[in-house]
Amino acid sequence: NTVQEVTIQALASLAETRDLDTGNH
C-alpha cells in the first residue's frame, strides 16, 4: 500500500510541476 501511495503521489507531483495548479489542488 505504501509503494502504491508513493507511486501515485510521485506521478501526480510530476504532473503538477508542469501545471498552473499547486500541489494543494
mmCIF file of all heavy atoms, coordinates in Angstrom:
data_MODEL
# 
_entry.id   MODEL 
# 
loop_
_atom_site.group_PDB 
_atom_site.id 
_atom_site.type_symbol 
_atom_site.label_atom_id 
_atom_site.label_alt_id 
_atom_site.label_comp_id 
_atom_site.label_asym_id 
_atom_site.label_entity_id 
_atom_site.label_seq_id 
_atom_site.pdbx_PDB_ins_code 
_atom_site.Cartn_x 
_atom_site.Cartn_y 
_atom_site.Cartn_z 
_atom_site.occupancy 
_atom_site.B_iso_or_equiv 
_atom_site.pdbx_formal_charge 
_atom_site.auth_seq_id 
_atom_site.auth_comp_id 
_atom_site.auth_asym_id 
_atom_site.auth_atom_id 
_atom_site.pdbx_PDB_model_num 
ATOM 1   N N   . ASN A 1 1  ? 0.823  -1.213 0.000   1.00 0.00 ? 1  ASN A N   1 
ATOM 2   C CA  . ASN A 1 1  ? 0.000  0.000  0.000   1.00 0.00 ? 1  ASN A CA  1 
ATOM 3   C C   . ASN A 1 1  ? 0.854  1.259  0.000   1.00 0.00 ? 1  ASN A C   1 
ATOM 4   O O   . ASN A 1 1  ? 0.536  2.244  -0.677  1.00 0.00 ? 1  ASN A O   1 
ATOM 5   C CB  . ASN A 1 1  ? -0.923 0.003  1.221   1.00 0.00 ? 1  ASN A CB  1 
ATOM 6   C CG  . ASN A 1 1  ? -2.041 -1.018 1.111   1.00 0.00 ? 1  ASN A CG  1 
ATOM 7   O OD1 . ASN A 1 1  ? -2.395 -1.443 0.018   1.00 0.00 ? 1  ASN A OD1 1 
ATOM 8   N ND2 . ASN A 1 1  ? -2.591 -1.423 2.244   1.00 0.00 ? 1  ASN A ND2 1 
ATOM 9   N N   . THR A 1 2  ? 1.944  1.218  0.766   1.00 0.00 ? 2  THR A N   1 
ATOM 10  C CA  . THR A 1 2  ? 2.831  2.378  0.820   1.00 0.00 ? 2  THR A CA  1 
ATOM 11  C C   . THR A 1 2  ? 3.484  2.628  -0.527  1.00 0.00 ? 2  THR A C   1 
ATOM 12  O O   . THR A 1 2  ? 3.579  3.776  -0.986  1.00 0.00 ? 2  THR A O   1 
ATOM 13  C CB  . THR A 1 2  ? 3.916  2.168  1.899   1.00 0.00 ? 2  THR A CB  1 
ATOM 14  O OG1 . THR A 1 2  ? 3.285  1.991  3.170   1.00 0.00 ? 2  THR A OG1 1 
ATOM 15  C CG2 . THR A 1 2  ? 4.859  3.358  1.963   1.00 0.00 ? 2  THR A CG2 1 
ATOM 16  N N   . VAL A 1 3  ? 3.928  1.546  -1.175  1.00 0.00 ? 3  VAL A N   1 
ATOM 17  C CA  . VAL A 1 3  ? 4.534  1.683  -2.506  1.00 0.00 ? 3  VAL A CA  1 
ATOM 18  C C   . VAL A 1 3  ? 3.522  2.270  -3.488  1.00 0.00 ? 3  VAL A C   1 
ATOM 19  O O   . VAL A 1 3  ? 3.850  3.154  -4.291  1.00 0.00 ? 3  VAL A O   1 
ATOM 20  C CB  . VAL A 1 3  ? 5.060  0.324  -3.003  1.00 0.00 ? 3  VAL A CB  1 
ATOM 21  C CG1 . VAL A 1 3  ? 5.454  0.413  -4.474  1.00 0.00 ? 3  VAL A CG1 1 
ATOM 22  C CG2 . VAL A 1 3  ? 6.257  -0.118 -2.167  1.00 0.00 ? 3  VAL A CG2 1 
ATOM 23  N N   . GLN A 1 4  ? 2.279  1.791  -3.424  1.00 0.00 ? 4  GLN A N   1 
ATOM 24  C CA  . GLN A 1 4  ? 1.243  2.311  -4.297  1.00 0.00 ? 4  GLN A CA  1 
ATOM 25  C C   . GLN A 1 4  ? 1.024  3.802  -4.060  1.00 0.00 ? 4  GLN A C   1 
ATOM 26  O O   . GLN A 1 4  ? 0.952  4.590  -5.012  1.00 0.00 ? 4  GLN A O   1 
ATOM 27  C CB  . GLN A 1 4  ? -0.069 1.541  -4.062  1.00 0.00 ? 4  GLN A CB  1 
ATOM 28  C CG  . GLN A 1 4  ? -0.042 0.097  -4.521  1.00 0.00 ? 4  GLN A CG  1 
ATOM 29  C CD  . GLN A 1 4  ? -1.309 -0.643 -4.134  1.00 0.00 ? 4  GLN A CD  1 
ATOM 30  O OE1 . GLN A 1 4  ? -2.189 -0.105 -3.475  1.00 0.00 ? 4  GLN A OE1 1 
ATOM 31  N NE2 . GLN A 1 4  ? -1.405 -1.891 -4.545  1.00 0.00 ? 4  GLN A NE2 1 
ATOM 32  N N   . GLU A 1 5  ? 0.920  4.170  -2.785  1.00 0.00 ? 5  GLU A N   1 
ATOM 33  C CA  . GLU A 1 5  ? 0.679  5.578  -2.466  1.00 0.00 ? 5  GLU A CA  1 
ATOM 34  C C   . GLU A 1 5  ? 1.836  6.460  -2.903  1.00 0.00 ? 5  GLU A C   1 
ATOM 35  O O   . GLU A 1 5  ? 1.626  7.549  -3.443  1.00 0.00 ? 5  GLU A O   1 
ATOM 36  C CB  . GLU A 1 5  ? 0.438  5.722  -0.960  1.00 0.00 ? 5  GLU A CB  1 
ATOM 37  C CG  . GLU A 1 5  ? -0.882 5.135  -0.488  1.00 0.00 ? 5  GLU A CG  1 
ATOM 38  C CD  . GLU A 1 5  ? -1.104 5.355  0.997   1.00 0.00 ? 5  GLU A CD  1 
ATOM 39  O OE1 . GLU A 1 5  ? -0.800 6.461  1.480   1.00 0.00 ? 5  GLU A OE1 1 
ATOM 40  O OE2 . GLU A 1 5  ? -1.588 4.427  1.664   1.00 0.00 ? 5  GLU A OE2 1 
ATOM 41  N N   . VAL A 1 6  ? 3.045  5.985  -2.666  1.00 0.00 ? 6  VAL A N   1 
ATOM 42  C CA  . VAL A 1 6  ? 4.216  6.769  -3.065  1.00 0.00 ? 6  VAL A CA  1 
ATOM 43  C C   . VAL A 1 6  ? 4.252  6.915  -4.584  1.00 0.00 ? 6  VAL A C   1 
ATOM 44  O O   . VAL A 1 6  ? 4.551  7.994  -5.122  1.00 0.00 ? 6  VAL A O   1 
ATOM 45  C CB  . VAL A 1 6  ? 5.510  6.115  -2.544  1.00 0.00 ? 6  VAL A CB  1 
ATOM 46  C CG1 . VAL A 1 6  ? 6.732  6.770  -3.175  1.00 0.00 ? 6  VAL A CG1 1 
ATOM 47  C CG2 . VAL A 1 6  ? 5.592  6.229  -1.028  1.00 0.00 ? 6  VAL A CG2 1 
ATOM 48  N N   . THR A 1 7  ? 3.947  5.818  -5.290  1.00 0.00 ? 7  THR A N   1 
ATOM 49  C CA  . THR A 1 7  ? 3.944  5.857  -6.757  1.00 0.00 ? 7  THR A CA  1 
ATOM 50  C C   . THR A 1 7  ? 2.921  6.850  -7.273  1.00 0.00 ? 7  THR A C   1 
ATOM 51  O O   . THR A 1 7  ? 3.204  7.681  -8.146  1.00 0.00 ? 7  THR A O   1 
ATOM 52  C CB  . THR A 1 7  ? 3.651  4.455  -7.326  1.00 0.00 ? 7  THR A CB  1 
ATOM 53  O OG1 . THR A 1 7  ? 4.642  3.534  -6.861  1.00 0.00 ? 7  THR A OG1 1 
ATOM 54  C CG2 . THR A 1 7  ? 3.653  4.478  -8.845  1.00 0.00 ? 7  THR A CG2 1 
ATOM 55  N N   . ILE A 1 8  ? 1.712  6.770  -6.726  1.00 0.00 ? 8  ILE A N   1 
ATOM 56  C CA  . ILE A 1 8  ? 0.650  7.687  -7.149  1.00 0.00 ? 8  ILE A CA  1 
ATOM 57  C C   . ILE A 1 8  ? 1.031  9.134  -6.848  1.00 0.00 ? 8  ILE A C   1 
ATOM 58  O O   . ILE A 1 8  ? 0.875  10.029 -7.689  1.00 0.00 ? 8  ILE A O   1 
ATOM 59  C CB  . ILE A 1 8  ? -0.678 7.313  -6.449  1.00 0.00 ? 8  ILE A CB  1 
ATOM 60  C CG1 . ILE A 1 8  ? -1.231 6.008  -7.039  1.00 0.00 ? 8  ILE A CG1 1 
ATOM 61  C CG2 . ILE A 1 8  ? -1.701 8.436  -6.602  1.00 0.00 ? 8  ILE A CG2 1 
ATOM 62  C CD1 . ILE A 1 8  ? -2.446 5.477  -6.307  1.00 0.00 ? 8  ILE A CD1 1 
ATOM 63  N N   . GLN A 1 9  ? 1.555  9.358  -5.650  1.00 0.00 ? 9  GLN A N   1 
ATOM 64  C CA  . GLN A 1 9  ? 1.909  10.720 -5.271  1.00 0.00 ? 9  GLN A CA  1 
ATOM 65  C C   . GLN A 1 9  ? 3.031  11.262 -6.144  1.00 0.00 ? 9  GLN A C   1 
ATOM 66  O O   . GLN A 1 9  ? 3.025  12.447 -6.533  1.00 0.00 ? 9  GLN A O   1 
ATOM 67  C CB  . GLN A 1 9  ? 2.325  10.759 -3.795  1.00 0.00 ? 9  GLN A CB  1 
ATOM 68  C CG  . GLN A 1 9  ? 2.392  12.148 -3.205  1.00 0.00 ? 9  GLN A CG  1 
ATOM 69  C CD  . GLN A 1 9  ? 1.041  12.863 -3.220  1.00 0.00 ? 9  GLN A CD  1 
ATOM 70  O OE1 . GLN A 1 9  ? 0.017  12.266 -2.940  1.00 0.00 ? 9  GLN A OE1 1 
ATOM 71  N NE2 . GLN A 1 9  ? 1.056  14.145 -3.579  1.00 0.00 ? 9  GLN A NE2 1 
ATOM 72  N N   . ALA A 1 10 ? 3.999  10.390 -6.458  1.00 0.00 ? 10 ALA A N   1 
ATOM 73  C CA  . ALA A 1 10 ? 5.111  10.826 -7.303  1.00 0.00 ? 10 ALA A CA  1 
ATOM 74  C C   . ALA A 1 10 ? 4.627  11.194 -8.700  1.00 0.00 ? 10 ALA A C   1 
ATOM 75  O O   . ALA A 1 10 ? 5.027  12.223 -9.264  1.00 0.00 ? 10 ALA A O   1 
ATOM 76  C CB  . ALA A 1 10 ? 6.169  9.729  -7.373  1.00 0.00 ? 10 ALA A CB  1 
ATOM 77  N N   . LEU A 1 11 ? 3.752  10.358 -9.262  1.00 0.00 ? 11 LEU A N   1 
ATOM 78  C CA  . LEU A 1 11 ? 3.227  10.633 -10.597 1.00 0.00 ? 11 LEU A CA  1 
ATOM 79  C C   . LEU A 1 11 ? 2.400  11.919 -10.595 1.00 0.00 ? 11 LEU A C   1 
ATOM 80  O O   . LEU A 1 11 ? 2.508  12.745 -11.503 1.00 0.00 ? 11 LEU A O   1 
ATOM 81  C CB  . LEU A 1 11 ? 2.370  9.458  -11.068 1.00 0.00 ? 11 LEU A CB  1 
ATOM 82  C CG  . LEU A 1 11 ? 3.111  8.161  -11.398 1.00 0.00 ? 11 LEU A CG  1 
ATOM 83  C CD1 . LEU A 1 11 ? 2.126  7.025  -11.638 1.00 0.00 ? 11 LEU A CD1 1 
ATOM 84  C CD2 . LEU A 1 11 ? 3.993  8.348  -12.628 1.00 0.00 ? 11 LEU A CD2 1 
ATOM 85  N N   . ALA A 1 12 ? 1.557  12.072 -9.577  1.00 0.00 ? 12 ALA A N   1 
ATOM 86  C CA  . ALA A 1 12 ? 0.730  13.277 -9.500  1.00 0.00 ? 12 ALA A CA  1 
ATOM 87  C C   . ALA A 1 12 ? 1.591  14.524 -9.323  1.00 0.00 ? 12 ALA A C   1 
ATOM 88  O O   . ALA A 1 12 ? 1.328  15.567 -9.934  1.00 0.00 ? 12 ALA A O   1 
ATOM 89  C CB  . ALA A 1 12 ? -0.263 13.142 -8.351  1.00 0.00 ? 12 ALA A CB  1 
ATOM 90  N N   . SER A 1 13 ? 2.619  14.421 -8.499  1.00 0.00 ? 13 SER A N   1 
ATOM 91  C CA  . SER A 1 13 ? 3.506  15.568 -8.281  1.00 0.00 ? 13 SER A CA  1 
ATOM 92  C C   . SER A 1 13 ? 4.266  15.924 -9.544  1.00 0.00 ? 13 SER A C   1 
ATOM 93  O O   . SER A 1 13 ? 4.518  17.094 -9.825  1.00 0.00 ? 13 SER A O   1 
ATOM 94  C CB  . SER A 1 13 ? 4.489  15.255 -7.149  1.00 0.00 ? 13 SER A CB  1 
ATOM 95  O OG  . SER A 1 13 ? 3.806  15.073 -5.933  1.00 0.00 ? 13 SER A OG  1 
ATOM 96  N N   . LEU A 1 14 ? 4.625  14.887 -10.323 1.00 0.00 ? 14 LEU A N   1 
ATOM 97  C CA  . LEU A 1 14 ? 5.308  15.137 -11.589 1.00 0.00 ? 14 LEU A CA  1 
ATOM 98  C C   . LEU A 1 14 ? 4.419  15.946 -12.523 1.00 0.00 ? 14 LEU A C   1 
ATOM 99  O O   . LEU A 1 14 ? 4.873  16.917 -13.157 1.00 0.00 ? 14 LEU A O   1 
ATOM 100 C CB  . LEU A 1 14 ? 5.699  13.807 -12.242 1.00 0.00 ? 14 LEU A CB  1 
ATOM 101 C CG  . LEU A 1 14 ? 6.375  13.893 -13.608 1.00 0.00 ? 14 LEU A CG  1 
ATOM 102 C CD1 . LEU A 1 14 ? 7.716  14.605 -13.498 1.00 0.00 ? 14 LEU A CD1 1 
ATOM 103 C CD2 . LEU A 1 14 ? 6.566  12.494 -14.195 1.00 0.00 ? 14 LEU A CD2 1 
ATOM 104 N N   . ALA A 1 15 ? 3.149  15.566 -12.603 1.00 0.00 ? 15 ALA A N   1 
ATOM 105 C CA  . ALA A 1 15 ? 2.221  16.314 -13.451 1.00 0.00 ? 15 ALA A CA  1 
ATOM 106 C C   . ALA A 1 15 ? 2.051  17.741 -12.933 1.00 0.00 ? 15 ALA A C   1 
ATOM 107 O O   . ALA A 1 15 ? 1.970  18.704 -13.709 1.00 0.00 ? 15 ALA A O   1 
ATOM 108 C CB  . ALA A 1 15 ? 0.871  15.599 -13.491 1.00 0.00 ? 15 ALA A CB  1 
ATOM 109 N N   . GLU A 1 16 ? 2.011  17.881 -11.616 1.00 0.00 ? 16 GLU A N   1 
ATOM 110 C CA  . GLU A 1 16 ? 1.793  19.199 -11.009 1.00 0.00 ? 16 GLU A CA  1 
ATOM 111 C C   . GLU A 1 16 ? 2.929  20.171 -11.305 1.00 0.00 ? 16 GLU A C   1 
ATOM 112 O O   . GLU A 1 16 ? 2.708  21.382 -11.408 1.00 0.00 ? 16 GLU A O   1 
ATOM 113 C CB  . GLU A 1 16 ? 1.608  19.007 -9.491  1.00 0.00 ? 16 GLU A CB  1 
ATOM 114 C CG  . GLU A 1 16 ? 1.417  20.292 -8.707  1.00 0.00 ? 16 GLU A CG  1 
ATOM 115 C CD  . GLU A 1 16 ? 2.739  20.767 -8.127  1.00 0.00 ? 16 GLU A CD  1 
ATOM 116 O OE1 . GLU A 1 16 ? 3.519  19.921 -7.656  1.00 0.00 ? 16 GLU A OE1 1 
ATOM 117 O OE2 . GLU A 1 16 ? 2.997  21.979 -8.169  1.00 0.00 ? 16 GLU A OE2 1 
ATOM 118 N N   . THR A 1 17 ? 4.154  19.644 -11.473 1.00 0.00 ? 17 THR A N   1 
ATOM 119 C CA  . THR A 1 17 ? 5.285  20.544 -11.716 1.00 0.00 ? 17 THR A CA  1 
ATOM 120 C C   . THR A 1 17 ? 5.137  21.295 -13.039 1.00 0.00 ? 17 THR A C   1 
ATOM 121 O O   . THR A 1 17 ? 5.755  22.343 -13.227 1.00 0.00 ? 17 THR A O   1 
ATOM 122 C CB  . THR A 1 17 ? 6.618  19.777 -11.734 1.00 0.00 ? 17 THR A CB  1 
ATOM 123 O OG1 . THR A 1 17 ? 6.602  18.804 -12.788 1.00 0.00 ? 17 THR A OG1 1 
ATOM 124 C CG2 . THR A 1 17 ? 6.869  19.102 -10.408 1.00 0.00 ? 17 THR A CG2 1 
ATOM 125 N N   . ARG A 1 18 ? 4.332  20.773 -13.946 1.00 0.00 ? 18 ARG A N   1 
ATOM 126 C CA  . ARG A 1 18 ? 4.178  21.429 -15.257 1.00 0.00 ? 18 ARG A CA  1 
ATOM 127 C C   . ARG A 1 18 ? 2.812  22.086 -15.414 1.00 0.00 ? 18 ARG A C   1 
ATOM 128 O O   . ARG A 1 18 ? 2.445  22.497 -16.499 1.00 0.00 ? 18 ARG A O   1 
ATOM 129 C CB  . ARG A 1 18 ? 4.379  20.400 -16.375 1.00 0.00 ? 18 ARG A CB  1 
ATOM 130 C CG  . ARG A 1 18 ? 5.770  19.806 -16.405 1.00 0.00 ? 18 ARG A CG  1 
ATOM 131 C CD  . ARG A 1 18 ? 6.004  19.023 -17.695 1.00 0.00 ? 18 ARG A CD  1 
ATOM 132 N NE  . ARG A 1 18 ? 5.860  19.866 -18.868 1.00 0.00 ? 18 ARG A NE  1 
ATOM 133 C CZ  . ARG A 1 18 ? 4.816  19.829 -19.699 1.00 0.00 ? 18 ARG A CZ  1 
ATOM 134 N NH1 . ARG A 1 18 ? 3.828  19.002 -19.488 1.00 0.00 ? 18 ARG A NH1 1 
ATOM 135 N NH2 . ARG A 1 18 ? 4.768  20.635 -20.736 1.00 0.00 ? 18 ARG A NH2 1 
ATOM 136 N N   . ASP A 1 19 ? 2.056  22.157 -14.329 1.00 0.00 ? 19 ASP A N   1 
ATOM 137 C CA  . ASP A 1 19 ? 0.701  22.688 -14.418 1.00 0.00 ? 19 ASP A CA  1 
ATOM 138 C C   . ASP A 1 19 ? 0.626  24.031 -13.707 1.00 0.00 ? 19 ASP A C   1 
ATOM 139 O O   . ASP A 1 19 ? 1.510  24.401 -12.939 1.00 0.00 ? 19 ASP A O   1 
ATOM 140 C CB  . ASP A 1 19 ? -0.266 21.683 -13.766 1.00 0.00 ? 19 ASP A CB  1 
ATOM 141 C CG  . ASP A 1 19 ? -1.705 21.913 -14.193 1.00 0.00 ? 19 ASP A CG  1 
ATOM 142 O OD1 . ASP A 1 19 ? -1.956 22.876 -14.928 1.00 0.00 ? 19 ASP A OD1 1 
ATOM 143 O OD2 . ASP A 1 19 ? -2.565 21.114 -13.774 1.00 0.00 ? 19 ASP A OD2 1 
ATOM 144 N N   . LEU A 1 20 ? -0.463 24.735 -13.952 1.00 0.00 ? 20 LEU A N   1 
ATOM 145 C CA  . LEU A 1 20 ? -0.678 26.016 -13.291 1.00 0.00 ? 20 LEU A CA  1 
ATOM 146 C C   . LEU A 1 20 ? -1.140 25.856 -11.849 1.00 0.00 ? 20 LEU A C   1 
ATOM 147 O O   . LEU A 1 20 ? -1.111 26.805 -11.075 1.00 0.00 ? 20 LEU A O   1 
ATOM 148 C CB  . LEU A 1 20 ? -1.721 26.830 -14.077 1.00 0.00 ? 20 LEU A CB  1 
ATOM 149 C CG  . LEU A 1 20 ? -1.283 27.289 -15.480 1.00 0.00 ? 20 LEU A CG  1 
ATOM 150 C CD1 . LEU A 1 20 ? -2.473 27.837 -16.239 1.00 0.00 ? 20 LEU A CD1 1 
ATOM 151 C CD2 . LEU A 1 20 ? -0.173 28.314 -15.385 1.00 0.00 ? 20 LEU A CD2 1 
ATOM 152 N N   . ASP A 1 21 ? -1.601 24.663 -11.490 1.00 0.00 ? 21 ASP A N   1 
ATOM 153 C CA  . ASP A 1 21 ? -2.056 24.415 -10.119 1.00 0.00 ? 21 ASP A CA  1 
ATOM 154 C C   . ASP A 1 21 ? -0.872 24.134 -9.205  1.00 0.00 ? 21 ASP A C   1 
ATOM 155 O O   . ASP A 1 21 ? 0.165  23.621 -9.635  1.00 0.00 ? 21 ASP A O   1 
ATOM 156 C CB  . ASP A 1 21 ? -2.993 23.203 -10.070 1.00 0.00 ? 21 ASP A CB  1 
ATOM 157 C CG  . ASP A 1 21 ? -4.310 23.463 -10.755 1.00 0.00 ? 21 ASP A CG  1 
ATOM 158 O OD1 . ASP A 1 21 ? -4.906 24.513 -10.498 1.00 0.00 ? 21 ASP A OD1 1 
ATOM 159 O OD2 . ASP A 1 21 ? -4.738 22.600 -11.554 1.00 0.00 ? 21 ASP A OD2 1 
ATOM 160 N N   . THR A 1 22 ? -1.059 24.418 -7.927  1.00 0.00 ? 22 THR A N   1 
ATOM 161 C CA  . THR A 1 22 ? -0.076 23.993 -6.929  1.00 0.00 ? 22 THR A CA  1 
ATOM 162 C C   . THR A 1 22 ? -0.404 22.573 -6.495  1.00 0.00 ? 22 THR A C   1 
ATOM 163 O O   . THR A 1 22 ? -1.456 22.023 -6.850  1.00 0.00 ? 22 THR A O   1 
ATOM 164 C CB  . THR A 1 22 ? -0.115 24.906 -5.692  1.00 0.00 ? 22 THR A CB  1 
ATOM 165 O OG1 . THR A 1 22 ? -1.335 24.664 -4.978  1.00 0.00 ? 22 THR A OG1 1 
ATOM 166 C CG2 . THR A 1 22 ? -0.012 26.359 -6.071  1.00 0.00 ? 22 THR A CG2 1 
ATOM 167 N N   . GLY A 1 23 ? 0.471  21.997 -5.702  1.00 0.00 ? 23 GLY A N   1 
ATOM 168 C CA  . GLY A 1 23 ? 0.227  20.640 -5.210  1.00 0.00 ? 23 GLY A CA  1 
ATOM 169 C C   . GLY A 1 23 ? -0.988 20.534 -4.316  1.00 0.00 ? 23 GLY A C   1 
ATOM 170 O O   . GLY A 1 23 ? -1.515 19.437 -4.109  1.00 0.00 ? 23 GLY A O   1 
ATOM 171 N N   . ASN A 1 24 ? -1.477 21.661 -3.810  1.00 0.00 ? 24 ASN A N   1 
ATOM 172 C CA  . ASN A 1 24 ? -2.653 21.612 -2.951  1.00 0.00 ? 24 ASN A CA  1 
ATOM 173 C C   . ASN A 1 24 ? -3.924 21.237 -3.715  1.00 0.00 ? 24 ASN A C   1 
ATOM 174 O O   . ASN A 1 24 ? -4.891 20.765 -3.114  1.00 0.00 ? 24 ASN A O   1 
ATOM 175 C CB  . ASN A 1 24 ? -2.855 22.953 -2.246  1.00 0.00 ? 24 ASN A CB  1 
ATOM 176 C CG  . ASN A 1 24 ? -1.835 23.172 -1.152  1.00 0.00 ? 24 ASN A CG  1 
ATOM 177 O OD1 . ASN A 1 24 ? -1.512 22.254 -0.410  1.00 0.00 ? 24 ASN A OD1 1 
ATOM 178 N ND2 . ASN A 1 24 ? -1.310 24.386 -1.057  1.00 0.00 ? 24 ASN A ND2 1 
ATOM 179 N N   . HIS A 1 25 ? -3.915 21.470 -5.022  1.00 0.00 ? 25 HIS A N   1 
ATOM 180 C CA  . HIS A 1 25 ? -5.082 21.079 -5.823  1.00 0.00 ? 25 HIS A CA  1 
ATOM 181 C C   . HIS A 1 25 ? -5.334 19.578 -5.700  1.00 0.00 ? 25 HIS A C   1 
ATOM 182 O O   . HIS A 1 25 ? -6.477 19.154 -5.501  1.00 0.00 ? 25 HIS A O   1 
ATOM 183 C CB  . HIS A 1 25 ? -4.859 21.463 -7.290  1.00 0.00 ? 25 HIS A CB  1 
ATOM 184 C CG  . HIS A 1 25 ? -5.891 20.894 -8.223  1.00 0.00 ? 25 HIS A CG  1 
ATOM 185 N ND1 . HIS A 1 25 ? -7.199 21.315 -8.236  1.00 0.00 ? 25 HIS A ND1 1 
ATOM 186 C CD2 . HIS A 1 25 ? -5.786 19.913 -9.171  1.00 0.00 ? 25 HIS A CD2 1 
ATOM 187 C CE1 . HIS A 1 25 ? -7.864 20.627 -9.154  1.00 0.00 ? 25 HIS A CE1 1 
ATOM 188 N NE2 . HIS A 1 25 ? -7.038 19.778 -9.738  1.00 0.00 ? 25 HIS A NE2 1 
# 
